[in-house]
Protein backbone atom coordinates (compact mmCIF):
# COMPACT_ATOMS: atom_id res chain seq x y z
CA MET A 1 -0.22 -0.26 -0.20
CA ASN A 2 1.57 3.00 -1.32
CA GLY A 3 -0.83 5.86 0.83
CA ASN A 4 -2.17 7.21 -2.59
CA LYS A 5 -5.89 6.39 -1.79
CA LEU A 6 -7.83 7.72 0.99
CA LEU A 7 -10.99 7.34 2.07
CA LEU A 8 -12.06 11.30 3.72
CA ASP A 9 -14.56 11.58 6.31
CA THR A 10 -17.48 13.95 6.55
CA ASN A 11 -15.17 16.79 8.03
CA ALA A 12 -12.42 16.70 5.73
CA VAL A 13 -14.44 17.50 3.31
CA LEU A 14 -15.94 20.41 4.89
CA TYR A 15 -12.70 21.90 5.94
CA LEU A 16 -11.56 21.74 2.00
CA LEU A 17 -14.61 23.16 0.65
CA GLY A 18 -14.23 25.93 3.18
CA GLY A 19 -10.80 26.47 1.74
CA ASP A 20 -8.38 24.60 3.72
CA GLU A 21 -5.07 25.26 1.81
CA THR A 22 -2.71 23.17 3.79
CA LEU A 23 -4.77 20.32 3.51
CA ALA A 24 -5.55 20.49 -0.20
CA THR A 25 -1.77 20.79 -0.68
CA PHE A 26 -1.40 17.27 1.04
CA LEU A 27 -4.36 15.31 -0.42
CA ASN A 28 -3.30 16.77 -4.21
CA GLY A 29 -2.41 14.23 -6.72
CA LYS A 30 -4.58 11.37 -4.26
CA ASP A 31 -6.95 9.45 -5.20
CA LEU A 32 -9.51 10.40 -2.78
CA TYR A 33 -13.35 8.18 -2.10
CA LEU A 34 -15.88 9.53 0.12
CA SER A 35 -18.59 7.30 1.84
CA ILE A 36 -22.24 7.35 1.14
CA ILE A 37 -22.49 7.85 4.95
CA SER A 38 -20.18 10.94 4.36
CA GLU A 39 -22.71 12.17 1.02
CA LEU A 40 -25.59 11.37 3.40
CA GLU A 41 -24.03 13.83 5.95
CA LEU A 42 -23.29 16.51 4.10
CA LEU A 43 -25.98 16.46 2.12
CA SER A 44 -28.56 16.21 4.53
CA TYR A 45 -28.09 19.55 5.92
CA LYS A 46 -31.47 21.34 7.09
CA LYS A 47 -30.64 24.77 5.54
CA ILE A 48 -28.40 23.46 2.67
CA SER A 49 -28.62 26.27 -0.60
CA LEU A 50 -29.01 24.65 -4.05
CA ARG A 51 -25.84 26.50 -4.73
CA GLU A 52 -24.21 24.49 -1.89
CA GLN A 53 -25.89 21.36 -3.28
CA LYS A 54 -24.11 21.49 -6.54
CA ILE A 55 -20.66 22.05 -5.12
CA ILE A 56 -21.07 18.96 -2.59
CA THR A 57 -22.50 16.96 -5.19
CA SER A 58 -19.66 18.24 -7.94
CA PHE A 59 -17.02 17.44 -5.24
């Protein structure tokens, strides 16, 4: 195993979408995966806007 495949949790995705450049640099060039549970958590926020839904979906 070479460490190039990573399963991201919900918080990591939120940090990335929030602009965390340190995390983005670390993850650059790696194969990133997201569980269906994390996807559901991200999209189930009660006050999520259509714009936010599109951003999460494209991620």
